[in-house]
PDB file of all heavy atoms in Angstrom:
ATOM      1  N   ASP A   1     -14.398  -3.182 -16.745  1.00  0.00           N
ATOM      2  CA  ASP A   1     -13.280  -2.245 -16.814  1.00  0.00           C
ATOM      3  C   ASP A   1     -13.056  -1.480 -15.514  1.00  0.00           C
ATOM      4  O   ASP A   1     -11.921  -1.100 -15.201  1.00  0.00           O
ATOM      5  CB  ASP A   1     -13.482  -1.257 -17.964  1.00  0.00           C
ATOM      6  CG  ASP A   1     -14.854  -0.585 -17.923  1.00  0.00           C
ATOM      7  OD1 ASP A   1     -15.848  -1.289 -17.707  1.00  0.00           O
ATOM      8  OD2 ASP A   1     -14.925   0.646 -18.088  1.00  0.00           O
ATOM      9  N   PHE A   2     -14.102  -1.257 -14.724  1.00  0.00           N
ATOM     10  CA  PHE A   2     -13.947  -0.489 -13.487  1.00  0.00           C
ATOM     11  C   PHE A   2     -13.062  -1.227 -12.477  1.00  0.00           C
ATOM     12  O   PHE A   2     -12.478  -0.606 -11.594  1.00  0.00           O
ATOM     13  CB  PHE A   2     -15.314  -0.192 -12.863  1.00  0.00           C
ATOM     14  CG  PHE A   2     -16.016  -1.413 -12.343  1.00  0.00           C
ATOM     15  CD1 PHE A   2     -15.877  -1.813 -11.028  1.00  0.00           C
ATOM     16  CD2 PHE A   2     -16.809  -2.180 -13.185  1.00  0.00           C
ATOM     17  CE1 PHE A   2     -16.506  -2.954 -10.562  1.00  0.00           C
ATOM     18  CE2 PHE A   2     -17.447  -3.312 -12.725  1.00  0.00           C
ATOM     19  CZ  PHE A   2     -17.290  -3.708 -11.400  1.00  0.00           C
ATOM     20  N   ILE A   3     -12.967  -2.551 -12.617  1.00  0.00           N
ATOM     21  CA  ILE A   3     -12.145  -3.319 -11.673  1.00  0.00           C
ATOM     22  C   ILE A   3     -10.687  -2.889 -11.769  1.00  0.00           C
ATOM     23  O   ILE A   3     -10.017  -2.679 -10.748  1.00  0.00           O
ATOM     24  CB  ILE A   3     -12.288  -4.838 -11.928  1.00  0.00           C
ATOM     25  CG1 ILE A   3     -13.713  -5.297 -11.616  1.00  0.00           C
ATOM     26  CG2 ILE A   3     -11.282  -5.623 -11.090  1.00  0.00           C
ATOM     27  CD1 ILE A   3     -13.973  -6.766 -11.905  1.00  0.00           C
ATOM     28  N   SER A   4     -10.181  -2.735 -12.989  1.00  0.00           N
ATOM     29  CA  SER A   4      -8.784  -2.313 -13.148  1.00  0.00           C
ATOM     30  C   SER A   4      -8.576  -0.899 -12.628  1.00  0.00           C
ATOM     31  O   SER A   4      -7.517  -0.586 -12.070  1.00  0.00           O
ATOM     32  CB  SER A   4      -8.355  -2.423 -14.615  1.00  0.00           C
ATOM     33  OG  SER A   4      -9.156  -1.601 -15.432  1.00  0.00           O
ATOM     34  N   ASP A   5      -9.577  -0.044 -12.787  1.00  0.00           N
ATOM     35  CA  ASP A   5      -9.471   1.320 -12.250  1.00  0.00           C
ATOM     36  C   ASP A   5      -9.386   1.285 -10.717  1.00  0.00           C
ATOM     37  O   ASP A   5      -8.577   1.989 -10.113  1.00  0.00           O
ATOM     38  CB  ASP A   5     -10.676   2.157 -12.682  1.00  0.00           C
ATOM     39  CG  ASP A   5     -10.731   2.390 -14.187  1.00  0.00           C
ATOM     40  OD1 ASP A   5      -9.673   2.288 -14.838  1.00  0.00           O
ATOM     41  OD2 ASP A   5     -11.826   2.664 -14.711  1.00  0.00           O
ATOM     42  N   ASN A   6     -10.239   0.477 -10.106  1.00  0.00           N
ATOM     43  CA  ASN A   6     -10.218   0.363  -8.642  1.00  0.00           C
ATOM     44  C   ASN A   6      -8.907  -0.246  -8.149  1.00  0.00           C
ATOM     45  O   ASN A   6      -8.380   0.143  -7.099  1.00  0.00           O
ATOM     46  CB  ASN A   6     -11.398  -0.487  -8.160  1.00  0.00           C
ATOM     47  CG  ASN A   6     -12.726   0.228  -8.324  1.00  0.00           C
ATOM     48  OD1 ASN A   6     -12.774   1.409  -8.667  1.00  0.00           O
ATOM     49  ND2 ASN A   6     -13.814  -0.484  -8.088  1.00  0.00           N
ATOM     50  N   LYS A   7      -8.379  -1.212  -8.902  1.00  0.00           N
ATOM     51  CA  LYS A   7      -7.117  -1.844  -8.521  1.00  0.00           C
ATOM     52  C   LYS A   7      -5.979  -0.823  -8.470  1.00  0.00           C
ATOM     53  O   LYS A   7      -5.127  -0.871  -7.578  1.00  0.00           O
ATOM     54  CB  LYS A   7      -6.763  -2.949  -9.516  1.00  0.00           C
ATOM     55  CG  LYS A   7      -7.494  -4.261  -9.268  1.00  0.00           C
ATOM     56  CD  LYS A   7      -7.307  -5.248 -10.397  1.00  0.00           C
ATOM     57  CE  LYS A   7      -5.864  -5.551 -10.691  1.00  0.00           C
ATOM     58  NZ  LYS A   7      -5.725  -6.627 -11.705  1.00  0.00           N
ATOM     59  N   LYS A   8      -5.965   0.092  -9.416  1.00  0.00           N
ATOM     60  CA  LYS A   8      -4.919   1.121  -9.423  1.00  0.00           C
ATOM     61  C   LYS A   8      -4.997   1.980  -8.170  1.00  0.00           C
ATOM     62  O   LYS A   8      -3.969   2.338  -7.578  1.00  0.00           O
ATOM     63  CB  LYS A   8      -5.045   1.990 -10.677  1.00  0.00           C
ATOM     64  CG  LYS A   8      -4.692   1.276 -11.977  1.00  0.00           C
ATOM     65  CD  LYS A   8      -4.980   2.151 -13.185  1.00  0.00           C
ATOM     66  CE  LYS A   8      -4.754   1.391 -14.476  1.00  0.00           C
ATOM     67  NZ  LYS A   8      -5.163   2.192 -15.674  1.00  0.00           N
ATOM     68  N   ILE A   9      -6.225   2.300  -7.762  1.00  0.00           N
ATOM     69  CA  ILE A   9      -6.406   3.093  -6.533  1.00  0.00           C
ATOM     70  C   ILE A   9      -5.923   2.312  -5.323  1.00  0.00           C
ATOM     71  O   ILE A   9      -5.193   2.825  -4.466  1.00  0.00           O
ATOM     72  CB  ILE A   9      -7.884   3.499  -6.376  1.00  0.00           C
ATOM     73  CG1 ILE A   9      -8.299   4.426  -7.517  1.00  0.00           C
ATOM     74  CG2 ILE A   9      -8.131   4.157  -5.018  1.00  0.00           C
ATOM     75  CD1 ILE A   9      -9.793   4.704  -7.590  1.00  0.00           C
ATOM     76  N   PHE A  10      -6.316   1.033  -5.247  1.00  0.00           N
ATOM     77  CA  PHE A  10      -5.888   0.201  -4.123  1.00  0.00           C
ATOM     78  C   PHE A  10      -4.367   0.051  -4.088  1.00  0.00           C
ATOM     79  O   PHE A  10      -3.752   0.070  -3.020  1.00  0.00           O
ATOM     80  CB  PHE A  10      -6.544  -1.184  -4.207  1.00  0.00           C
ATOM     81  CG  PHE A  10      -7.918  -1.251  -3.601  1.00  0.00           C
ATOM     82  CD1 PHE A  10      -8.939  -1.927  -4.256  1.00  0.00           C
ATOM     83  CD2 PHE A  10      -8.200  -0.668  -2.371  1.00  0.00           C
ATOM     84  CE1 PHE A  10     -10.210  -2.013  -3.701  1.00  0.00           C
ATOM     85  CE2 PHE A  10      -9.471  -0.738  -1.817  1.00  0.00           C
ATOM     86  CZ  PHE A  10     -10.470  -1.416  -2.470  1.00  0.00           C
ATOM     87  N   GLN A  11      -3.749  -0.122  -5.254  1.00  0.00           N
ATOM     88  CA  GLN A  11      -2.300  -0.300  -5.282  1.00  0.00           C
ATOM     89  C   GLN A  11      -1.579   0.954  -4.782  1.00  0.00           C
ATOM     90  O   GLN A  11      -0.591   0.859  -4.041  1.00  0.00           O
ATOM     91  CB  GLN A  11      -1.820  -0.655  -6.691  1.00  0.00           C
ATOM     92  CG  GLN A  11      -0.320  -0.923  -6.752  1.00  0.00           C
ATOM     93  CD  GLN A  11       0.112  -1.542  -8.068  1.00  0.00           C
ATOM     94  OE1 GLN A  11      -0.701  -2.088  -8.813  1.00  0.00           O
ATOM     95  NE2 GLN A  11       1.405  -1.479  -8.365  1.00  0.00           N
ATOM     96  N   THR A  12      -2.081   2.120  -5.172  1.00  0.00           N
ATOM     97  CA  THR A  12      -1.495   3.374  -4.680  1.00  0.00           C
ATOM     98  C   THR A  12      -1.604   3.456  -3.159  1.00  0.00           C
ATOM     99  O   THR A  12      -0.662   3.848  -2.462  1.00  0.00           O
ATOM    100  CB  THR A  12      -2.202   4.577  -5.325  1.00  0.00           C
ATOM    101  OG1 THR A  12      -2.005   4.534  -6.739  1.00  0.00           O
ATOM    102  CG2 THR A  12      -1.650   5.889  -4.795  1.00  0.00           C
ATOM    103  N   ARG A  13      -2.768   3.064  -2.631  1.00  0.00           N
ATOM    104  CA  ARG A  13      -2.969   3.080  -1.186  1.00  0.00           C
ATOM    105  C   ARG A  13      -2.046   2.079  -0.487  1.00  0.00           C
ATOM    106  O   ARG A  13      -1.468   2.375   0.560  1.00  0.00           O
ATOM    107  CB  ARG A  13      -4.423   2.756  -0.861  1.00  0.00           C
ATOM    108  CG  ARG A  13      -5.412   3.798  -1.319  1.00  0.00           C
ATOM    109  CD  ARG A  13      -6.832   3.291  -1.134  1.00  0.00           C
ATOM    110  NE  ARG A  13      -7.841   4.280  -1.480  1.00  0.00           N
ATOM    111  CZ  ARG A  13      -9.145   4.061  -1.446  1.00  0.00           C
ATOM    112  NH1 ARG A  13      -9.606   2.866  -1.078  1.00  0.00           N
ATOM    113  NH2 ARG A  13      -9.998   5.000  -1.794  1.00  0.00           N
ATOM    114  N   ARG A  14      -1.947   0.874  -1.078  1.00  0.00           N
ATOM    115  CA  ARG A  14      -1.052  -0.129  -0.497  1.00  0.00           C
ATOM    116  C   ARG A  14       0.366   0.406  -0.386  1.00  0.00           C
ATOM    117  O   ARG A  14       1.021   0.294   0.668  1.00  0.00           O
ATOM    118  CB  ARG A  14      -1.060  -1.394  -1.367  1.00  0.00           C
ATOM    119  CG  ARG A  14      -0.125  -2.483  -0.856  1.00  0.00           C
ATOM    120  CD  ARG A  14       0.239  -3.475  -1.940  1.00  0.00           C
ATOM    121  NE  ARG A  14       1.038  -2.860  -3.003  1.00  0.00           N
ATOM    122  CZ  ARG A  14       1.574  -3.522  -4.020  1.00  0.00           C
ATOM    123  NH1 ARG A  14       1.373  -4.821  -4.138  1.00  0.00           N
ATOM    124  NH2 ARG A  14       2.285  -2.894  -4.937  1.00  0.00           N
ATOM    125  N   ASP A  15       0.858   0.981  -1.470  1.00  0.00           N
ATOM    126  CA  ASP A  15       2.241   1.475  -1.478  1.00  0.00           C
ATOM    127  C   ASP A  15       2.440   2.587  -0.453  1.00  0.00           C
ATOM    128  O   ASP A  15       3.479   2.655   0.215  1.00  0.00           O
ATOM    129  CB  ASP A  15       2.610   1.962  -2.874  1.00  0.00           C
ATOM    130  CG  ASP A  15       2.647   0.832  -3.904  1.00  0.00           C
ATOM    131  OD1 ASP A  15       2.682  -0.344  -3.483  1.00  0.00           O
ATOM    132  OD2 ASP A  15       2.632   1.133  -5.120  1.00  0.00           O
ATOM    133  N   LEU A  16       1.439   3.451  -0.302  1.00  0.00           N
ATOM    134  CA  LEU A  16       1.509   4.526   0.691  1.00  0.00           C
ATOM    135  C   LEU A  16       1.610   3.954   2.095  1.00  0.00           C
ATOM    136  O   LEU A  16       2.481   4.346   2.882  1.00  0.00           O
ATOM    137  CB  LEU A  16       0.266   5.415   0.575  1.00  0.00           C
ATOM    138  CG  LEU A  16       0.031   6.422   1.713  1.00  0.00           C
ATOM    139  CD1 LEU A  16       1.071   7.525   1.650  1.00  0.00           C
ATOM    140  CD2 LEU A  16      -1.382   7.010   1.639  1.00  0.00           C
ATOM    141  N   VAL A  17       0.724   3.013   2.418  1.00  0.00           N
ATOM    142  CA  VAL A  17       0.666   2.461   3.766  1.00  0.00           C
ATOM    143  C   VAL A  17       1.930   1.668   4.093  1.00  0.00           C
ATOM    144  O   VAL A  17       2.511   1.821   5.178  1.00  0.00           O
ATOM    145  CB  VAL A  17      -0.598   1.579   3.924  1.00  0.00           C
ATOM    146  CG1 VAL A  17      -0.565   0.805   5.234  1.00  0.00           C
ATOM    147  CG2 VAL A  17      -1.842   2.449   3.855  1.00  0.00           C
ATOM    148  N   VAL A  18       2.382   0.821   3.174  1.00  0.00           N
ATOM    149  CA  VAL A  18       3.586   0.024   3.421  1.00  0.00           C
ATOM    150  C   VAL A  18       4.786   0.936   3.664  1.00  0.00           C
ATOM    151  O   VAL A  18       5.582   0.722   4.588  1.00  0.00           O
ATOM    152  CB  VAL A  18       3.855  -0.939   2.243  1.00  0.00           C
ATOM    153  CG1 VAL A  18       5.241  -1.573   2.367  1.00  0.00           C
ATOM    154  CG2 VAL A  18       2.791  -2.026   2.194  1.00  0.00           C
ATOM    155  N   SER A  19       4.915   1.965   2.845  1.00  0.00           N
ATOM    156  CA  SER A  19       6.037   2.894   2.992  1.00  0.00           C
ATOM    157  C   SER A  19       6.008   3.602   4.348  1.00  0.00           C
ATOM    158  O   SER A  19       7.022   3.662   5.052  1.00  0.00           O
ATOM    159  CB  SER A  19       6.012   3.930   1.861  1.00  0.00           C
ATOM    160  OG  SER A  19       7.000   4.913   2.059  1.00  0.00           O
ATOM    161  N   MET A  20       4.849   4.108   4.727  1.00  0.00           N
ATOM    162  CA  MET A  20       4.760   4.868   5.977  1.00  0.00           C
ATOM    163  C   MET A  20       4.911   3.965   7.210  1.00  0.00           C
ATOM    164  O   MET A  20       5.513   4.373   8.208  1.00  0.00           O
ATOM    165  CB  MET A  20       3.446   5.644   6.031  1.00  0.00           C
ATOM    166  CG  MET A  20       3.360   6.762   5.015  1.00  0.00           C
ATOM    167  SD  MET A  20       1.916   7.845   5.229  1.00  0.00           S
ATOM    168  CE  MET A  20       2.369   8.756   6.717  1.00  0.00           C
ATOM    169  N   LEU A  21       4.388   2.747   7.146  1.00  0.00           N
ATOM    170  CA  LEU A  21       4.520   1.845   8.291  1.00  0.00           C
ATOM    171  C   LEU A  21       5.964   1.399   8.466  1.00  0.00           C
ATOM    172  O   LEU A  21       6.443   1.244   9.603  1.00  0.00           O
ATOM    173  CB  LEU A  21       3.609   0.630   8.123  1.00  0.00           C
ATOM    174  CG  LEU A  21       2.116   0.896   8.223  1.00  0.00           C
ATOM    175  CD1 LEU A  21       1.329  -0.392   7.996  1.00  0.00           C
ATOM    176  CD2 LEU A  21       1.732   1.503   9.569  1.00  0.00           C
ATOM    177  N   ASN A  22       6.665   1.199   7.371  1.00  0.00           N
ATOM    178  CA  ASN A  22       8.067   0.793   7.479  1.00  0.00           C
ATOM    179  C   ASN A  22       8.964   1.930   7.964  1.00  0.00           C
ATOM    180  O   ASN A  22      10.119   1.692   8.338  1.00  0.00           O
ATOM    181  CB  ASN A  22       8.570   0.238   6.141  1.00  0.00           C
ATOM    182  CG  ASN A  22       8.163  -1.210   5.945  1.00  0.00           C
ATOM    183  OD1 ASN A  22       8.132  -1.991   6.890  1.00  0.00           O
ATOM    184  ND2 ASN A  22       7.846  -1.582   4.703  1.00  0.00           N
ATOM    185  N   GLN A  23       8.437   3.148   7.984  1.00  0.00           N
ATOM    186  CA  GLN A  23       9.171   4.277   8.562  1.00  0.00           C
ATOM    187  C   GLN A  23       8.872   4.461  10.050  1.00  0.00           C
ATOM    188  O   GLN A  23       9.475   5.302  10.706  1.00  0.00           O
ATOM    189  CB  GLN A  23       8.819   5.561   7.811  1.00  0.00           C
ATOM    190  CG  GLN A  23       9.267   5.585   6.350  1.00  0.00           C
ATOM    191  CD  GLN A  23       8.727   6.803   5.617  1.00  0.00           C
ATOM    192  OE1 GLN A  23       8.880   7.935   6.070  1.00  0.00           O
ATOM    193  NE2 GLN A  23       8.087   6.583   4.473  1.00  0.00           N
ATOM    194  N   ALA A  24       7.941   3.656  10.569  1.00  0.00           N
ATOM    195  CA  ALA A  24       7.565   3.766  11.981  1.00  0.00           C
ATOM    196  C   ALA A  24       8.506   2.938  12.844  1.00  0.00           C
ATOM    197  O   ALA A  24       8.872   1.813  12.496  1.00  0.00           O
ATOM    198  CB  ALA A  24       6.124   3.293  12.175  1.00  0.00           C
ATOM    199  N   THR A  25       8.874   3.476  13.986  1.00  0.00           N
ATOM    200  CA  THR A  25       9.768   2.785  14.912  1.00  0.00           C
ATOM    201  C   THR A  25       9.154   1.467  15.378  1.00  0.00           C
ATOM    202  O   THR A  25       8.011   1.430  15.841  1.00  0.00           O
ATOM    203  CB  THR A  25      10.041   3.666  16.148  1.00  0.00           C
ATOM    204  OG1 THR A  25      10.570   4.915  15.713  1.00  0.00           O
ATOM    205  CG2 THR A  25      11.013   2.989  17.107  1.00  0.00           C
ATOM    206  N   GLY A  26       9.894   0.375  15.211  1.00  0.00           N
ATOM    207  CA  GLY A  26       9.467  -0.911  15.748  1.00  0.00           C
ATOM    208  C   GLY A  26       8.533  -1.713  14.872  1.00  0.00           C
ATOM    209  O   GLY A  26       8.142  -2.823  15.251  1.00  0.00           O
ATOM    210  N   LEU A  27       8.157  -1.190  13.702  1.00  0.00           N
ATOM    211  CA  LEU A  27       7.249  -1.919  12.816  1.00  0.00           C
ATOM    212  C   LEU A  27       7.998  -2.441  11.588  1.00  0.00           C
ATOM    213  O   LEU A  27       8.970  -1.831  11.129  1.00  0.00           O
ATOM    214  CB  LEU A  27       6.097  -1.024  12.345  1.00  0.00           C
ATOM    215  CG  LEU A  27       5.187  -0.427  13.410  1.00  0.00           C
ATOM    216  CD1 LEU A  27       4.028   0.318  12.755  1.00  0.00           C
ATOM    217  CD2 LEU A  27       4.667  -1.489  14.372  1.00  0.00           C
ATOM    218  N   SER A  28       7.521  -3.565  11.064  1.00  0.00           N
ATOM    219  CA  SER A  28       8.056  -4.129   9.833  1.00  0.00           C
ATOM    220  C   SER A  28       6.885  -4.630   9.007  1.00  0.00           C
ATOM    221  O   SER A  28       6.098  -5.462   9.474  1.00  0.00           O
ATOM    222  CB  SER A  28       9.011  -5.287  10.144  1.00  0.00           C
ATOM    223  OG  SER A  28       9.445  -5.903   8.947  1.00  0.00           O
ATOM    224  N   CYS A  29       6.768  -4.127   7.766  1.00  0.00           N
ATOM    225  CA  CYS A  29       5.580  -4.426   6.962  1.00  0.00           C
ATOM    226  C   CYS A  29       5.964  -4.924   5.567  1.00  0.00           C
ATOM    227  O   CYS A  29       6.503  -4.164   4.762  1.00  0.00           O
ATOM    228  CB  CYS A  29       4.708  -3.174   6.830  1.00  0.00           C
ATOM    229  SG  CYS A  29       3.145  -3.472   5.974  1.00  0.00           S
ATOM    230  N   PRO A  30       5.686  -6.196   5.266  1.00  0.00           N
ATOM    231  CA  PRO A  30       5.937  -6.682   3.902  1.00  0.00           C
ATOM    232  C   PRO A  30       4.936  -6.091   2.917  1.00  0.00           C
ATOM    233  O   PRO A  30       3.867  -5.614   3.313  1.00  0.00           O
ATOM    234  CB  PRO A  30       5.754  -8.202   4.035  1.00  0.00           C
ATOM    235  CG  PRO A  30       4.864  -8.383   5.210  1.00  0.00           C
ATOM    236  CD  PRO A  30       5.136  -7.240   6.144  1.00  0.00           C
ATOM    237  N   THR A  31       5.271  -6.139   1.635  1.00  0.00           N
ATOM    238  CA  THR A  31       4.386  -5.638   0.588  1.00  0.00           C
ATOM    239  C   THR A  31       3.558  -6.787   0.033  1.00  0.00           C
ATOM    240  O   THR A  31       4.102  -7.689  -0.618  1.00  0.00           O
ATOM    241  CB  THR A  31       5.188  -4.989  -0.549  1.00  0.00           C
ATOM    242  OG1 THR A  31       5.987  -3.929  -0.022  1.00  0.00           O
ATOM    243  CG2 THR A  31       4.259  -4.437  -1.623  1.00  0.00           C
ATOM    244  N   PRO A  32       2.255  -6.803   0.282  1.00  0.00           N
ATOM    245  CA  PRO A  32       1.424  -7.923  -0.184  1.00  0.00           C
ATOM    246  C   PRO A  32       1.088  -7.802  -1.665  1.00  0.00           C
ATOM    247  O   PRO A  32       1.115  -6.713  -2.238  1.00  0.00           O
ATOM    248  CB  PRO A  32       0.156  -7.798   0.671  1.00  0.00           C
ATOM    249  CG  PRO A  32       0.064  -6.328   0.966  1.00  0.00           C
ATOM    250  CD  PRO A  32       1.472  -5.825   1.063  1.00  0.00           C
TER     251      PRO A  32
END
């Protein structure tokens, strides 16, 4: 069960990073 809990944390981090990188000048980041 802890795997699904960790996945939720990772997904939140992924969404944060993708959003912030796509706001950076000159960068383009797909959502994996």
